[in-house]
């Protein structure tokens, strides 16, 4: 309940005290996909010298979402010398 006696707003509710294993969190993120972006700018005296833009899509591969690359050829049983 809030200070005025009314119910708590959705933003004022406390977070649940449950722990989530890191592997479960990664499984949930990768099942939907994650986009990572970042920018790095190297500058001297307010003059930009180098700018690097990073963008990566990380998603799990499944039957519904196949890999865009062909499968590698199977390895032969013998070793080459």
Protein backbone atom coordinates (compact mmCIF):
# COMPACT_ATOMS: atom_id res chain seq x y z
CA UNK A 1 0.00 0.00 0.00
CA UNK A 2 1.18 3.51 -0.70
CA UNK A 3 1.55 6.32 1.86
CA UNK A 4 -2.00 7.56 1.15
CA UNK A 5 -3.48 4.11 1.79
CA UNK A 6 -4.11 3.23 -1.86
CA UNK A 7 -2.65 0.28 -3.74
CA UNK A 8 0.90 0.44 -5.06
CA UNK A 9 1.42 1.52 -8.65
CA UNK A 10 3.08 -1.00 -10.97
CA UNK A 11 6.36 0.94 -10.82
CA UNK A 12 6.39 0.97 -7.00
CA UNK A 13 5.97 -2.79 -6.50
CA UNK A 14 9.06 -4.49 -5.09
CA UNK A 15 10.95 -6.90 -7.31
CA UNK A 16 10.40 -10.58 -6.53
CA UNK A 17 13.12 -12.20 -4.40
CA UNK A 18 13.86 -15.04 -6.77
CA UNK A 19 17.19 -15.99 -8.29
CA UNK A 20 17.63 -16.99 -11.90
CA UNK A 21 20.58 -19.14 -12.93
CA UNK A 22 22.87 -17.59 -15.54
CA UNK A 23 22.26 -20.49 -17.93
CA UNK A 24 18.49 -19.92 -17.74
CA UNK A 25 18.96 -16.23 -18.46
CA UNK A 26 21.19 -16.99 -21.47
CA UNK A 27 18.69 -19.56 -22.74
CA UNK A 28 15.87 -16.99 -22.65
CA UNK A 29 17.98 -14.32 -24.33
CA UNK A 30 19.28 -16.58 -27.10
CA UNK A 31 15.86 -18.09 -27.87
CA UNK A 32 14.62 -14.64 -28.89
CA UNK A 33 17.94 -13.19 -30.02
CA UNK A 34 20.12 -10.38 -28.73
CA UNK A 35 21.46 -7.37 -30.61
CA UNK A 36 24.64 -5.81 -29.26
CA UNK A 37 25.70 -2.36 -30.48
CA UNK A 38 28.50 -0.04 -29.52
CA UNK A 39 30.59 2.85 -30.79
CA UNK A 40 34.21 3.63 -30.02
CA UNK A 41 35.66 7.01 -30.97
CA UNK A 42 39.32 7.90 -30.52
CA UNK A 43 39.94 11.62 -30.59
CA UNK A 44 42.62 14.15 -29.71
CA UNK A 45 41.78 17.79 -28.98
CA UNK A 46 38.15 17.24 -30.02
CA UNK A 47 39.21 15.91 -33.43
CA UNK A 48 37.86 12.43 -34.17
CA UNK A 49 40.68 10.26 -35.50
CA UNK A 50 39.14 6.78 -35.47
CA UNK A 51 35.52 5.70 -35.22
CA UNK A 52 34.50 2.07 -34.86
CA UNK A 53 30.85 0.99 -34.92
CA UNK A 54 30.12 -2.49 -33.61
CA UNK A 55 26.90 -4.39 -34.24
CA UNK A 56 26.31 -8.07 -33.54
CA UNK A 57 23.24 -10.30 -33.65
CA UNK A 58 23.42 -13.32 -31.37
CA UNK A 59 20.71 -15.95 -31.73
CA UNK A 60 20.50 -19.70 -31.21
CA UNK A 61 20.29 -22.02 -34.20
CA UNK A 62 17.31 -24.37 -34.36
CA UNK A 63 15.13 -26.20 -36.88
CA UNK A 64 12.85 -23.15 -37.11
CA UNK A 65 15.84 -20.78 -37.44
CA UNK A 66 18.53 -22.61 -39.48
CA UNK A 67 22.11 -21.46 -39.88
CA UNK A 68 22.79 -19.25 -42.93
CA UNK A 69 26.06 -21.14 -43.59
CA UNK A 70 26.28 -24.64 -45.06
CA UNK A 71 27.14 -27.49 -42.69
CA UNK A 72 30.85 -28.42 -42.68
CA UNK A 73 31.91 -31.67 -44.34
CA UNK A 74 32.37 -34.55 -41.88
CA UNK A 75 35.95 -35.34 -40.87
CA UNK A 76 37.58 -38.47 -42.25
CA UNK A 77 38.73 -41.12 -39.79
CA UNK A 78 42.42 -41.01 -40.80
CA UNK A 79 44.93 -38.34 -39.91
CA UNK A 80 46.85 -36.55 -42.66
CA UNK A 81 50.61 -36.21 -42.27
